């Protein structure tokens, strides 16, 4: 029997390029503008499922602006589309590291730069949701921006839960099940009400034969308001009726 695939959609999606920061005489700002342009081209390629073109564009954006976290995420999605799951995990891990390392030696400036980056990204995304999951990312970034704007304190390290979810999904598809479990559990530590993370755990546990854990995860996903796939429920029942030999 073919292994189950993840039923939950990834929360994060590549961002559109409209509204990228305006050009300036500063060379760093010019590189930033060009990086957003290449990122936009990568997003368009992803929407058309031109995975190779998307990978090329996101790679160019990263070379221009290594700190453009969502370009690393887009690169991961392009590799997922090509079933290069281990390489996708590397890209998602790079994305997470960029987010996590944004707290620089000058914390107040780090906060200001993060606010700038969030505003630019939200402007790029506004009204141009290439994929249905774009709105989930937009909501995460809007929440983070609102939190930063309410305080003058330095920003603490933050990673969108969807990045961790994407990394777990790549690990799952690559067959690294223990690593996938740790990432999905990490999402729940950050967002205990995530029905998507619970659903992913249910799929993972079913594939591992941990049916009690799978059923518990299904119950938590449904309690969170997520409609669990009937196919997954049928698979759990089928495995209950015909347990695999030890």
C-alpha atoms as a PDB file:
ATOM      1  CA  UNK A   1       0.000   0.000   0.000  1.00  0.00           C
ATOM      2  CA  UNK A   2       1.293   3.447  -0.821  1.00  0.00           C
ATOM      3  CA  UNK A   3       2.105   5.585   2.225  1.00  0.00           C
ATOM      4  CA  UNK A   4      -0.391   8.234   3.214  1.00  0.00           C
ATOM      5  CA  UNK A   5       0.288  11.769   2.119  1.00  0.00           C
ATOM      6  CA  UNK A   6      -0.340  14.782   4.334  1.00  0.00           C
ATOM      7  CA  UNK A   7      -3.967  15.808   4.241  1.00  0.00           C
ATOM      8  CA  UNK A   8      -3.459  19.274   5.660  1.00  0.00           C
ATOM      9  CA  UNK A   9      -2.393  22.077   3.380  1.00  0.00           C
ATOM     10  CA  UNK A  10       0.711  23.990   4.325  1.00  0.00           C
ATOM     11  CA  UNK A  11      -0.030  27.291   5.987  1.00  0.00           C
ATOM     12  CA  UNK A  12       2.652  29.224   4.317  1.00  0.00           C
ATOM     13  CA  UNK A  13       2.645  30.060   0.611  1.00  0.00           C
ATOM     14  CA  UNK A  14       4.901  32.125  -1.676  1.00  0.00           C
ATOM     15  CA  UNK A  15       4.184  35.818  -1.615  1.00  0.00           C
ATOM     16  CA  UNK A  16       3.266  37.995  -4.561  1.00  0.00           C
ATOM     17  CA  UNK A  17       5.639  40.701  -5.734  1.00  0.00           C
ATOM     18  CA  UNK A  18       3.259  43.635  -6.183  1.00  0.00           C
ATOM     19  CA  UNK A  19       4.079  46.586  -3.998  1.00  0.00           C
ATOM     20  CA  UNK A  20       7.739  45.705  -3.472  1.00  0.00           C
ATOM     21  CA  UNK A  21       9.811  48.453  -1.847  1.00  0.00           C
ATOM     22  CA  UNK A  22      10.539  51.451  -4.052  1.00  0.00           C
ATOM     23  CA  UNK A  23      14.024  51.800  -5.486  1.00  0.00           C
ATOM     24  CA  UNK A  24      16.540  54.107  -3.824  1.00  0.00           C
ATOM     25  CA  UNK A  25      20.067  55.262  -4.616  1.00  0.00           C
ATOM     26  CA  UNK A  26      21.346  53.012  -1.875  1.00  0.00           C
ATOM     27  CA  UNK A  27      22.879  49.845  -3.327  1.00  0.00           C
ATOM     28  CA  UNK A  28      21.453  47.660  -0.575  1.00  0.00           C
ATOM     29  CA  UNK A  29      17.968  49.003  -1.216  1.00  0.00           C
ATOM     30  CA  UNK A  30      18.412  48.447  -4.947  1.00  0.00           C
ATOM     31  CA  UNK A  31      19.372  44.820  -4.326  1.00  0.00           C
ATOM     32  CA  UNK A  32      16.323  44.469  -2.105  1.00  0.00           C
ATOM     33  CA  UNK A  33      14.048  45.748  -4.867  1.00  0.00           C
ATOM     34  CA  UNK A  34      15.590  43.345  -7.386  1.00  0.00           C
ATOM     35  CA  UNK A  35      15.199  40.487  -4.919  1.00  0.00           C
ATOM     36  CA  UNK A  36      11.485  41.246  -4.551  1.00  0.00           C
ATOM     37  CA  UNK A  37      11.172  41.294  -8.345  1.00  0.00           C
ATOM     38  CA  UNK A  38      12.772  37.857  -8.659  1.00  0.00           C
ATOM     39  CA  UNK A  39      10.661  36.650  -5.773  1.00  0.00           C
ATOM     40  CA  UNK A  40       7.520  37.826  -7.583  1.00  0.00           C
ATOM     41  CA  UNK A  41       8.608  35.931 -10.690  1.00  0.00           C
ATOM     42  CA  UNK A  42       9.144  32.830  -8.576  1.00  0.00           C
ATOM     43  CA  UNK A  43       5.699  33.182  -7.052  1.00  0.00           C
ATOM     44  CA  UNK A  44       4.147  33.436 -10.513  1.00  0.00           C
ATOM     45  CA  UNK A  45       6.043  30.333 -11.629  1.00  0.00           C
ATOM     46  CA  UNK A  46       4.831  28.442  -8.566  1.00  0.00           C
ATOM     47  CA  UNK A  47       1.237  29.422  -9.271  1.00  0.00           C
ATOM     48  CA  UNK A  48       1.671  27.965 -12.784  1.00  0.00           C
ATOM     49  CA  UNK A  49       3.401  24.855 -11.358  1.00  0.00           C
ATOM     50  CA  UNK A  50       6.563  25.639 -13.294  1.00  0.00           C
ATOM     51  CA  UNK A  51       8.666  24.242 -10.495  1.00  0.00           C
ATOM     52  CA  UNK A  52      12.062  24.531 -12.175  1.00  0.00           C
ATOM     53  CA  UNK A  53      11.503  28.154 -13.153  1.00  0.00           C
ATOM     54  CA  UNK A  54      10.309  28.913  -9.633  1.00  0.00           C
ATOM     55  CA  UNK A  55      13.433  27.352  -8.159  1.00  0.00           C
ATOM     56  CA  UNK A  56      15.618  29.485 -10.429  1.00  0.00           C
ATOM     57  CA  UNK A  57      13.837  32.711  -9.500  1.00  0.00           C
ATOM     58  CA  UNK A  58      13.828  32.064  -5.763  1.00  0.00           C
ATOM     59  CA  UNK A  59      17.496  31.133  -5.908  1.00  0.00           C
ATOM     60  CA  UNK A  60      18.243  34.448  -7.619  1.00  0.00           C
ATOM     61  CA  UNK A  61      16.240  36.327  -4.979  1.00  0.00           C
ATOM     62  CA  UNK A  62      18.220  34.627  -2.218  1.00  0.00           C
ATOM     63  CA  UNK A  63      21.537  35.509  -3.839  1.00  0.00           C
ATOM     64  CA  UNK A  64      20.453  39.148  -3.990  1.00  0.00           C
ATOM     65  CA  UNK A  65      18.946  39.192  -0.496  1.00  0.00           C
ATOM     66  CA  UNK A  66      19.976  36.208   1.668  1.00  0.00           C
ATOM     67  CA  UNK A  67      17.815  37.533   4.508  1.00  0.00           C
ATOM     68  CA  UNK A  68      14.583  37.396   2.482  1.00  0.00           C
ATOM     69  CA  UNK A  69      13.097  34.550   4.495  1.00  0.00           C
ATOM     70  CA  UNK A  70      10.064  33.971   2.297  1.00  0.00           C
ATOM     71  CA  UNK A  71      12.324  33.401  -0.727  1.00  0.00           C
ATOM     72  CA  UNK A  72      13.853  30.456   1.123  1.00  0.00           C
ATOM     73  CA  UNK A  73      10.320  29.244   1.781  1.00  0.00           C
ATOM     74  CA  UNK A  74       9.395  29.576  -1.881  1.00  0.00           C
ATOM     75  CA  UNK A  75      12.499  27.603  -2.798  1.00  0.00           C
ATOM     76  CA  UNK A  76      11.314  24.848  -0.486  1.00  0.00           C
ATOM     77  CA  UNK A  77       7.912  24.799  -2.153  1.00  0.00           C
ATOM     78  CA  UNK A  78       9.485  24.627  -5.603  1.00  0.00           C
ATOM     79  CA  UNK A  79      11.491  21.601  -4.511  1.00  0.00           C
ATOM     80  CA  UNK A  80       8.426  19.994  -2.930  1.00  0.00           C
ATOM     81  CA  UNK A  81       6.717  20.317  -6.307  1.00  0.00           C
ATOM     82  CA  UNK A  82       9.579  18.328  -7.830  1.00  0.00           C
ATOM     83  CA  UNK A  83       9.391  15.636  -5.111  1.00  0.00           C
ATOM     84  CA  UNK A  84      12.874  16.612  -3.899  1.00  0.00           C
ATOM     85  CA  UNK A  85      11.787  16.424  -0.306  1.00  0.00           C
ATOM     86  CA  UNK A  86      15.128  16.315   1.501  1.00  0.00           C
ATOM     87  CA  UNK A  87      16.299  19.387  -0.418  1.00  0.00           C
ATOM     88  CA  UNK A  88      12.987  21.083   0.320  1.00  0.00           C
ATOM     89  CA  UNK A  89      13.561  20.444   4.020  1.00  0.00           C
ATOM     90  CA  UNK A  90      16.956  22.142   3.719  1.00  0.00           C
ATOM     91  CA  UNK A  91      15.304  25.229   2.209  1.00  0.00           C
ATOM     92  CA  UNK A  92      12.581  25.355   4.868  1.00  0.00           C
ATOM     93  CA  UNK A  93      15.234  24.974   7.560  1.00  0.00           C
ATOM     94  CA  UNK A  94      17.133  27.912   6.043  1.00  0.00           C
ATOM     95  CA  UNK A  95      13.906  29.913   6.080  1.00  0.00           C
ATOM     96  CA  UNK A  96      13.384  29.155   9.754  1.00  0.00           C
ATOM     97  CA  UNK A  97      16.971  30.061  10.565  1.00  0.00           C
ATOM     98  CA  UNK A  98      16.635  33.430   8.824  1.00  0.00           C
ATOM     99  CA  UNK A  99      13.532  34.228  10.870  1.00  0.00           C
ATOM    100  CA  UNK A 100      15.125  33.003  14.095  1.00  0.00           C
ATOM    101  CA  UNK A 101      18.358  34.964  13.634  1.00  0.00           C
ATOM    102  CA  UNK A 102      16.744  38.313  12.953  1.00  0.00           C
ATOM    103  CA  UNK A 103      17.541  39.558  16.449  1.00  0.00           C
ATOM    104  CA  UNK A 104      20.793  41.387  15.765  1.00  0.00           C
ATOM    105  CA  UNK A 105      23.410  42.892  18.079  1.00  0.00           C
ATOM    106  CA  UNK A 106      21.314  46.094  18.031  1.00  0.00           C
ATOM    107  CA  UNK A 107      17.887  44.803  19.206  1.00  0.00           C
ATOM    108  CA  UNK A 108      15.943  48.089  18.741  1.00  0.00           C
ATOM    109  CA  UNK A 109      17.159  48.295  15.146  1.00  0.00           C
ATOM    110  CA  UNK A 110      16.278  44.631  14.671  1.00  0.00           C
ATOM    111  CA  UNK A 111      12.714  45.464  15.704  1.00  0.00           C
ATOM    112  CA  UNK A 112      12.544  48.390  13.266  1.00  0.00           C
ATOM    113  CA  UNK A 113      13.899  46.275  10.422  1.00  0.00           C
ATOM    114  CA  UNK A 114      11.461  43.467  11.173  1.00  0.00           C
ATOM    115  CA  UNK A 115       8.566  45.929  11.098  1.00  0.00           C
ATOM    116  CA  UNK A 116       9.814  47.225   7.748  1.00  0.00           C
ATOM    117  CA  UNK A 117      10.138  43.701   6.367  1.00  0.00           C
ATOM    118  CA  UNK A 118       6.669  42.725   7.577  1.00  0.00           C
ATOM    119  CA  UNK A 119       5.077  45.814   6.052  1.00  0.00           C
ATOM    120  CA  UNK A 120       6.810  45.242   2.718  1.00  0.00           C
ATOM    121  CA  UNK A 121       5.819  41.588   2.681  1.00  0.00           C
ATOM    122  CA  UNK A 122       2.191  42.331   3.552  1.00  0.00           C
ATOM    123  CA  UNK A 123       2.071  44.996   0.842  1.00  0.00           C
ATOM    124  CA  UNK A 124       3.419  42.455  -1.628  1.00  0.00           C
ATOM    125  CA  UNK A 125       0.820  39.910  -0.587  1.00  0.00           C
ATOM    126  CA  UNK A 126      -2.210  42.203  -0.374  1.00  0.00           C
ATOM    127  CA  UNK A 127      -4.856  41.366  -2.940  1.00  0.00           C
ATOM    128  CA  UNK A 128      -2.656  38.869  -4.790  1.00  0.00           C
ATOM    129  CA  UNK A 129      -3.186  35.504  -3.158  1.00  0.00           C
ATOM    130  CA  UNK A 130      -1.652  33.154  -5.698  1.00  0.00           C
ATOM    131  CA  UNK A 131      -2.592  30.113  -3.628  1.00  0.00           C
ATOM    132  CA  UNK A 132      -5.452  29.511  -1.225  1.00  0.00           C
ATOM    133  CA  UNK A 133      -3.042  29.228   1.695  1.00  0.00           C
ATOM    134  CA  UNK A 134      -1.703  32.761   1.156  1.00  0.00           C
ATOM    135  CA  UNK A 135      -4.358  34.204   3.447  1.00  0.00           C
ATOM    136  CA  UNK A 136      -3.159  32.032   6.343  1.00  0.00           C
ATOM    137  CA  UNK A 137       0.329  33.472   6.030  1.00  0.00           C
ATOM    138  CA  UNK A 138      -1.025  36.977   5.747  1.00  0.00           C
ATOM    139  CA  UNK A 139      -2.916  36.536   9.020  1.00  0.00           C
ATOM    140  CA  UNK A 140       0.207  35.284  10.810  1.00  0.00           C
ATOM    141  CA  UNK A 141       2.276  38.219   9.586  1.00  0.00           C
ATOM    142  CA  UNK A 142      -0.456  40.753  10.398  1.00  0.00           C
ATOM    143  CA  UNK A 143      -0.632  39.436  13.952  1.00  0.00           C
ATOM    144  CA  UNK A 144       3.132  39.651  14.361  1.00  0.00           C
ATOM    145  CA  UNK A 145       3.220  43.206  12.968  1.00  0.00           C
ATOM    146  CA  UNK A 146       0.451  44.335  15.317  1.00  0.00           C
ATOM    147  CA  UNK A 147       2.339  42.901  18.290  1.00  0.00           C
ATOM    148  CA  UNK A 148       5.550  44.708  17.328  1.00  0.00           C
ATOM    149  CA  UNK A 149       3.777  48.015  16.751  1.00  0.00           C
ATOM    150  CA  UNK A 150       2.201  47.914  20.214  1.00  0.00           C
ATOM    151  CA  UNK A 151       5.535  47.969  22.039  1.00  0.00           C
ATOM    152  CA  UNK A 152       8.851  49.781  21.879  1.00  0.00           C
ATOM    153  CA  UNK A 153      10.653  46.821  23.410  1.00  0.00           C
ATOM    154  CA  UNK A 154      13.176  44.927  21.260  1.00  0.00           C
ATOM    155  CA  UNK A 155      11.641  42.126  19.263  1.00  0.00           C
ATOM    156  CA  UNK A 156      12.213  38.568  20.400  1.00  0.00           C
ATOM    157  CA  UNK A 157      13.059  35.848  17.918  1.00  0.00           C
ATOM    158  CA  UNK A 158       9.949  34.655  16.054  1.00  0.00           C
ATOM    159  CA  UNK A 159       9.264  32.012  13.421  1.00  0.00           C
ATOM    160  CA  UNK A 160       5.848  31.740  11.711  1.00  0.00           C
ATOM    161  CA  UNK A 161       4.228  28.426  12.684  1.00  0.00           C
ATOM    162  CA  UNK A 162       3.682  27.678   9.010  1.00  0.00           C
ATOM    163  CA  UNK A 163       7.422  27.527   8.394  1.00  0.00           C
ATOM    164  CA  UNK A 164       7.756  24.840  11.043  1.00  0.00           C
ATOM    165  CA  UNK A 165       4.734  23.060   9.559  1.00  0.00           C
ATOM    166  CA  UNK A 166       6.316  23.113   6.113  1.00  0.00           C
ATOM    167  CA  UNK A 167       9.557  21.697   7.471  1.00  0.00           C
ATOM    168  CA  UNK A 168       7.667  18.886   9.182  1.00  0.00           C
ATOM    169  CA  UNK A 169       5.794  18.129   5.968  1.00  0.00           C
ATOM    170  CA  UNK A 170       9.029  17.919   3.990  1.00  0.00           C
ATOM    171  CA  UNK A 171      10.519  15.588   6.588  1.00  0.00           C
ATOM    172  CA  UNK A 172       7.396  13.418   6.415  1.00  0.00           C
ATOM    173  CA  UNK A 173       7.573  13.125   2.643  1.00  0.00           C
ATOM    174  CA  UNK A 174      11.302  12.366   2.863  1.00  0.00           C
ATOM    175  CA  UNK A 175      10.591   9.510   5.274  1.00  0.00           C
ATOM    176  CA  UNK A 176      12.183  11.225   8.281  1.00  0.00           C
ATOM    177  CA  UNK A 177       9.213  10.471  10.511  1.00  0.00           C
ATOM    178  CA  UNK A 178      10.769  11.194  13.906  1.00  0.00           C
ATOM    179  CA  UNK A 179      11.914  14.605  12.689  1.00  0.00           C
ATOM    180  CA  UNK A 180       8.480  15.300  11.204  1.00  0.00           C
ATOM    181  CA  UNK A 181       6.815  14.494  14.522  1.00  0.00           C
ATOM    182  CA  UNK A 182       9.083  16.912  16.374  1.00  0.00           C
ATOM    183  CA  UNK A 183       8.248  19.745  13.973  1.00  0.00           C
ATOM    184  CA  UNK A 184       4.484  19.194  14.178  1.00  0.00           C
ATOM    185  CA  UNK A 185       4.708  19.101  17.975  1.00  0.00           C
ATOM    186  CA  UNK A 186       6.712  22.338  17.828  1.00  0.00           C
ATOM    187  CA  UNK A 187       3.853  23.965  15.899  1.00  0.00           C
ATOM    188  CA  UNK A 188       1.470  22.943  18.674  1.00  0.00           C
ATOM    189  CA  UNK A 189       3.731  24.405  21.339  1.00  0.00           C
ATOM    190  CA  UNK A 190       3.506  27.720  19.516  1.00  0.00           C
ATOM    191  CA  UNK A 191      -0.150  27.384  18.501  1.00  0.00           C
ATOM    192  CA  UNK A 192      -1.943  24.785  20.661  1.00  0.00           C
ATOM    193  CA  UNK A 193      -5.187  25.217  18.707  1.00  0.00           C
ATOM    194  CA  UNK A 194      -3.696  24.263  15.327  1.00  0.00           C
ATOM    195  CA  UNK A 195      -6.039  21.691  13.840  1.00  0.00           C
ATOM    196  CA  UNK A 196      -3.729  21.362  10.834  1.00  0.00           C
ATOM    197  CA  UNK A 197      -0.809  20.274  13.018  1.00  0.00           C
ATOM    198  CA  UNK A 198      -3.024  17.740  14.803  1.00  0.00           C
ATOM    199  CA  UNK A 199      -4.253  16.431  11.461  1.00  0.00           C
ATOM    200  CA  UNK A 200      -0.692  16.062  10.214  1.00  0.00           C
ATOM    201  CA  UNK A 201       0.189  14.165  13.375  1.00  0.00           C
ATOM    202  CA  UNK A 202      -2.794  11.877  12.806  1.00  0.00           C
ATOM    203  CA  UNK A 203      -1.535  11.070   9.303  1.00  0.00           C
ATOM    204  CA  UNK A 204       1.989  10.568  10.603  1.00  0.00           C
ATOM    205  CA  UNK A 205       0.930   8.296  13.455  1.00  0.00           C
ATOM    206  CA  UNK A 206      -1.278   6.256  11.128  1.00  0.00           C
ATOM    207  CA  UNK A 207       1.643   5.681   8.781  1.00  0.00           C
ATOM    208  CA  UNK A 208       3.733   4.553  11.780  1.00  0.00           C
ATOM    209  CA  UNK A 209       1.032   2.187  13.053  1.00  0.00           C
ATOM    210  CA  UNK A 210       0.518   4.243  16.226  1.00  0.00           C
ATOM    211  CA  UNK A 211      -3.245   4.068  15.947  1.00  0.00           C
ATOM    212  CA  UNK A 212      -4.104   5.166  19.497  1.00  0.00           C
ATOM    213  CA  UNK A 213      -2.037   8.297  18.980  1.00  0.00           C
ATOM    214  CA  UNK A 214      -3.607   8.796  15.550  1.00  0.00           C
ATOM    215  CA  UNK A 215      -7.146   8.623  16.937  1.00  0.00           C
ATOM    216  CA  UNK A 216      -6.263  11.031  19.741  1.00  0.00           C
ATOM    217  CA  UNK A 217      -4.824  13.485  17.218  1.00  0.00           C
ATOM    218  CA  UNK A 218      -7.960  13.160  15.071  1.00  0.00           C
ATOM    219  CA  UNK A 219     -10.117  13.990  18.085  1.00  0.00           C
ATOM    220  CA  UNK A 220      -8.037  17.078  18.857  1.00  0.00           C
ATOM    221  CA  UNK A 221      -8.126  18.201  15.219  1.00  0.00           C
ATOM    222  CA  UNK A 222     -11.908  17.893  15.135  1.00  0.00           C
ATOM    223  CA  UNK A 223     -12.206  19.728  18.446  1.00  0.00           C
ATOM    224  CA  UNK A 224     -10.193  22.553  16.872  1.00  0.00           C
ATOM    225  CA  UNK A 225     -12.802  22.747  14.109  1.00  0.00           C
ATOM    226  CA  UNK A 226     -10.936  20.938  11.335  1.00  0.00           C
ATOM    227  CA  UNK A 227     -12.842  18.511   9.131  1.00  0.00           C
ATOM    228  CA  UNK A 228     -10.704  15.384   9.030  1.00  0.00           C
ATOM    229  CA  UNK A 229     -10.520  13.545   5.724  1.00  0.00           C
ATOM    230  CA  UNK A 230     -12.870  10.527   5.571  1.00  0.00           C
ATOM    231  CA  UNK A 231     -10.059   8.722   3.776  1.00  0.00           C
ATOM    232  CA  UNK A 232      -7.831   9.072   6.831  1.00  0.00           C
ATOM    233  CA  UNK A 233     -10.596   7.858   9.149  1.00  0.00           C
ATOM    234  CA  UNK A 234     -11.206   4.872   6.877  1.00  0.00           C
ATOM    235  CA  UNK A 235      -7.491   4.063   6.861  1.00  0.00           C
ATOM    236  CA  UNK A 236      -7.336   4.089  10.655  1.00  0.00           C
ATOM    237  CA  UNK A 237     -10.365   1.771  10.828  1.00  0.00           C
ATOM    238  CA  UNK A 238      -8.885  -0.526   8.188  1.00  0.00           C
ATOM    239  CA  UNK A 239      -5.637  -0.811  10.110  1.00  0.00           C
ATOM    240  CA  UNK A 240      -7.542  -1.475  13.321  1.00  0.00           C
ATOM    241  CA  UNK A 241      -9.337  -4.351  11.620  1.00  0.00           C
ATOM    242  CA  UNK A 242      -6.174  -5.769  10.037  1.00  0.00           C
ATOM    243  CA  UNK A 243      -3.256  -4.957  12.327  1.00  0.00           C
ATOM    244  CA  UNK A 244       0.209  -5.318  10.893  1.00  0.00           C
ATOM    245  CA  UNK A 245       2.348  -8.122  12.363  1.00  0.00           C
ATOM    246  CA  UNK A 246       4.816  -7.001  15.060  1.00  0.00           C
END
